[in-house]
Amino acid sequence: MGYFGLLFLLLGWFSWYSPPEEIPRSLVLIMVVVPLLFPLRGLLAGKRRTHQWSNFLALPYFAMGVDYAYNSATEAHLGGLVIALSLIFWSGCVMYSRYTGPPRTKKRGAPRLTPHER
């Protein structure tokens, strides 16, 4: 939900809702939307390693959302949505990576001695 929401929000934001005026629209879309397309195949296939590395991909979008939320009066609501969706994306990747991995075993150390065995 967070991944596809972020993808479609950024695509709609920079292509239809508020396209950039100073630089070409295609350049902004390449810089903002295309990095989200790289892990798409692995995320749809349910690969654990892709989910682990996609965590790092969510962090720049969180920073971009914070920047827009606090520095842009007209697009602050979109910055808030980017913050929320990037956090959902990040936490979803963390949960998937954690709960689909191999079961954790407790490390066994030296057996503890009772007071009368010392």
C-alpha atoms as a PDB file:
ATOM      1  CA  MET A   1       0.000   0.000   0.000  1.00  0.00           C
ATOM      2  CA  GLY A   2       2.759   2.434   0.883  1.00  0.00           C
ATOM      3  CA  TYR A   3       4.882   1.569  -2.133  1.00  0.00           C
ATOM      4  CA  PHE A   4       2.134   1.881  -4.742  1.00  0.00           C
ATOM      5  CA  GLY A   5       0.602   4.887  -2.998  1.00  0.00           C
ATOM      6  CA  LEU A   6       3.953   6.662  -3.052  1.00  0.00           C
ATOM      7  CA  LEU A   7       4.545   5.707  -6.673  1.00  0.00           C
ATOM      8  CA  PHE A   8       1.171   6.950  -7.899  1.00  0.00           C
ATOM      9  CA  LEU A   9       1.189  10.056  -5.692  1.00  0.00           C
ATOM     10  CA  LEU A  10       4.552  11.206  -7.030  1.00  0.00           C
ATOM     11  CA  LEU A  11       3.589  10.346 -10.591  1.00  0.00           C
ATOM     12  CA  GLY A  12       0.372  12.343 -10.351  1.00  0.00           C
ATOM     13  CA  TRP A  13       1.954  15.177  -8.409  1.00  0.00           C
ATOM     14  CA  PHE A  14       4.788  15.928 -10.811  1.00  0.00           C
ATOM     15  CA  SER A  15       2.952  15.136 -14.043  1.00  0.00           C
ATOM     16  CA  TRP A  16      -0.556  16.484 -13.520  1.00  0.00           C
ATOM     17  CA  TYR A  17      -1.277  18.274 -10.218  1.00  0.00           C
ATOM     18  CA  SER A  18       1.726  20.587  -9.958  1.00  0.00           C
ATOM     19  CA  PRO A  19       4.242  20.073 -12.769  1.00  0.00           C
ATOM     20  CA  PRO A  20       7.547  21.941 -12.484  1.00  0.00           C
ATOM     21  CA  GLU A  21       7.797  25.134 -14.488  1.00  0.00           C
ATOM     22  CA  GLU A  22      11.544  25.809 -14.644  1.00  0.00           C
ATOM     23  CA  ILE A  23      12.799  22.361 -15.648  1.00  0.00           C
ATOM     24  CA  PRO A  24      11.371  19.683 -17.952  1.00  0.00           C
ATOM     25  CA  ARG A  25       8.680  17.511 -16.448  1.00  0.00           C
ATOM     26  CA  SER A  26      10.327  14.361 -17.767  1.00  0.00           C
ATOM     27  CA  LEU A  27      13.564  15.105 -15.897  1.00  0.00           C
ATOM     28  CA  VAL A  28      11.738  15.421 -12.594  1.00  0.00           C
ATOM     29  CA  LEU A  29       9.797  12.213 -13.232  1.00  0.00           C
ATOM     30  CA  ILE A  30      13.016  10.363 -14.067  1.00  0.00           C
ATOM     31  CA  MET A  31      14.699  11.603 -10.890  1.00  0.00           C
ATOM     32  CA  VAL A  32      11.736  11.035  -8.561  1.00  0.00           C
ATOM     33  CA  VAL A  33       9.637   8.161  -9.924  1.00  0.00           C
ATOM     34  CA  VAL A  34      12.114   5.909 -11.756  1.00  0.00           C
ATOM     35  CA  PRO A  35      14.089   4.916  -8.603  1.00  0.00           C
ATOM     36  CA  LEU A  36      10.849   3.477  -7.221  1.00  0.00           C
ATOM     37  CA  LEU A  37      10.555   1.194 -10.253  1.00  0.00           C
ATOM     38  CA  PHE A  38      13.839  -0.654  -9.606  1.00  0.00           C
ATOM     39  CA  PRO A  39      12.591  -2.895  -6.748  1.00  0.00           C
ATOM     40  CA  LEU A  40       9.137  -3.445  -8.279  1.00  0.00           C
ATOM     41  CA  ARG A  41       9.832  -6.928  -9.643  1.00  0.00           C
ATOM     42  CA  GLY A  42      11.350  -8.194  -6.397  1.00  0.00           C
ATOM     43  CA  LEU A  43       8.607  -6.682  -4.264  1.00  0.00           C
ATOM     44  CA  LEU A  44       5.887  -8.280  -6.374  1.00  0.00           C
ATOM     45  CA  ALA A  45       7.715 -11.614  -6.275  1.00  0.00           C
ATOM     46  CA  GLY A  46       7.953 -11.408  -2.479  1.00  0.00           C
ATOM     47  CA  LYS A  47      11.728 -11.567  -2.293  1.00  0.00           C
ATOM     48  CA  ARG A  48      12.949 -10.919   1.214  1.00  0.00           C
ATOM     49  CA  ARG A  49      16.253  -9.378   0.124  1.00  0.00           C
ATOM     50  CA  THR A  50      14.473  -6.828  -2.065  1.00  0.00           C
ATOM     51  CA  HIS A  51      12.320  -5.798   0.881  1.00  0.00           C
ATOM     52  CA  GLN A  52      15.422  -5.378   3.015  1.00  0.00           C
ATOM     53  CA  TRP A  53      17.151  -3.086   0.535  1.00  0.00           C
ATOM     54  CA  SER A  54      13.971  -1.166  -0.286  1.00  0.00           C
ATOM     55  CA  ASN A  55      14.082   0.223   3.256  1.00  0.00           C
ATOM     56  CA  PHE A  56      16.934   2.451   2.155  1.00  0.00           C
ATOM     57  CA  LEU A  57      14.898   3.633  -0.816  1.00  0.00           C
ATOM     58  CA  ALA A  58      12.092   4.915   1.421  1.00  0.00           C
ATOM     59  CA  LEU A  59      14.344   7.272   3.397  1.00  0.00           C
ATOM     60  CA  PRO A  60      15.010   9.931   0.695  1.00  0.00           C
ATOM     61  CA  TYR A  61      11.270  10.122   0.009  1.00  0.00           C
ATOM     62  CA  PHE A  62      10.656  10.706   3.708  1.00  0.00           C
ATOM     63  CA  ALA A  63      13.200  13.562   3.618  1.00  0.00           C
ATOM     64  CA  MET A  64      11.569  14.979   0.484  1.00  0.00           C
ATOM     65  CA  GLY A  65       8.168  14.875   2.198  1.00  0.00           C
ATOM     66  CA  VAL A  66       9.509  16.687   5.261  1.00  0.00           C
ATOM     67  CA  ASP A  67      11.029  19.338   3.008  1.00  0.00           C
ATOM     68  CA  TYR A  68       7.765  19.932   1.142  1.00  0.00           C
ATOM     69  CA  ALA A  69       5.676  19.800   4.316  1.00  0.00           C
ATOM     70  CA  TYR A  70       7.658  22.529   6.056  1.00  0.00           C
ATOM     71  CA  ASN A  71       8.941  24.698   3.209  1.00  0.00           C
ATOM     72  CA  SER A  72       6.056  24.843   0.752  1.00  0.00           C
ATOM     73  CA  ALA A  73       2.833  26.546   1.730  1.00  0.00           C
ATOM     74  CA  THR A  74       0.914  25.377  -1.348  1.00  0.00           C
ATOM     75  CA  GLU A  75       2.100  21.747  -1.363  1.00  0.00           C
ATOM     76  CA  ALA A  76       2.388  21.045   2.361  1.00  0.00           C
ATOM     77  CA  HIS A  77      -0.488  18.563   2.278  1.00  0.00           C
ATOM     78  CA  LEU A  78       1.259  16.570  -0.452  1.00  0.00           C
ATOM     79  CA  GLY A  79       4.440  16.581   1.621  1.00  0.00           C
ATOM     80  CA  GLY A  80       2.465  15.146   4.523  1.00  0.00           C
ATOM     81  CA  LEU A  81       1.124  12.401   2.274  1.00  0.00           C
ATOM     82  CA  VAL A  82       4.648  11.583   1.089  1.00  0.00           C
ATOM     83  CA  ILE A  83       5.775  11.359   4.725  1.00  0.00           C
ATOM     84  CA  ALA A  84       2.913   9.028   5.630  1.00  0.00           C
ATOM     85  CA  LEU A  85       3.299   6.796   2.563  1.00  0.00           C
ATOM     86  CA  SER A  86       7.068   6.541   2.895  1.00  0.00           C
ATOM     87  CA  LEU A  87       6.681   5.508   6.547  1.00  0.00           C
ATOM     88  CA  ILE A  88       4.078   2.903   5.578  1.00  0.00           C
ATOM     89  CA  PHE A  89       6.415   1.644   2.841  1.00  0.00           C
ATOM     90  CA  TRP A  90       9.360   1.511   5.247  1.00  0.00           C
ATOM     91  CA  SER A  91       7.484  -0.228   8.044  1.00  0.00           C
ATOM     92  CA  GLY A  92       5.919  -2.712   5.610  1.00  0.00           C
ATOM     93  CA  CYS A  93       9.360  -3.661   4.308  1.00  0.00           C
ATOM     94  CA  VAL A  94      10.686  -4.038   7.850  1.00  0.00           C
ATOM     95  CA  MET A  95       7.798  -6.254   8.904  1.00  0.00           C
ATOM     96  CA  TYR A  96       8.005  -8.416   5.782  1.00  0.00           C
ATOM     97  CA  SER A  97      11.750  -8.833   6.175  1.00  0.00           C
ATOM     98  CA  ARG A  98      11.463  -9.691   9.830  1.00  0.00           C
ATOM     99  CA  TYR A  99       8.615 -12.162   9.696  1.00  0.00           C
ATOM    100  CA  THR A 100       9.554 -14.053   6.521  1.00  0.00           C
ATOM    101  CA  GLY A 101      13.106 -14.840   7.565  1.00  0.00           C
ATOM    102  CA  PRO A 102      14.397 -18.032   9.091  1.00  0.00           C
ATOM    103  CA  PRO A 103      13.330 -18.610  12.699  1.00  0.00           C
ATOM    104  CA  ARG A 104      15.703 -17.235  15.260  1.00  0.00           C
ATOM    105  CA  THR A 105      17.267 -19.653  17.687  1.00  0.00           C
ATOM    106  CA  LYS A 106      18.446 -18.805  21.132  1.00  0.00           C
ATOM    107  CA  LYS A 107      22.175 -18.857  21.606  1.00  0.00           C
ATOM    108  CA  ARG A 108      23.226 -21.463  24.063  1.00  0.00           C
ATOM    109  CA  GLY A 109      26.075 -20.523  26.286  1.00  0.00           C
ATOM    110  CA  ALA A 110      27.696 -22.385  29.094  1.00  0.00           C
ATOM    111  CA  PRO A 111      25.183 -23.926  31.484  1.00  0.00           C
ATOM    112  CA  ARG A 112      24.593 -21.895  34.592  1.00  0.00           C
ATOM    113  CA  LEU A 113      25.760 -23.377  37.806  1.00  0.00           C
ATOM    114  CA  THR A 114      23.530 -23.392  40.811  1.00  0.00           C
ATOM    115  CA  PRO A 115      24.952 -21.970  44.044  1.00  0.00           C
ATOM    116  CA  HIS A 116      25.600 -25.409  45.569  1.00  0.00           C
ATOM    117  CA  GLU A 117      27.555 -26.569  42.439  1.00  0.00           C
ATOM    118  CA  ARG A 118      30.123 -23.762  42.618  1.00  0.00           C
END
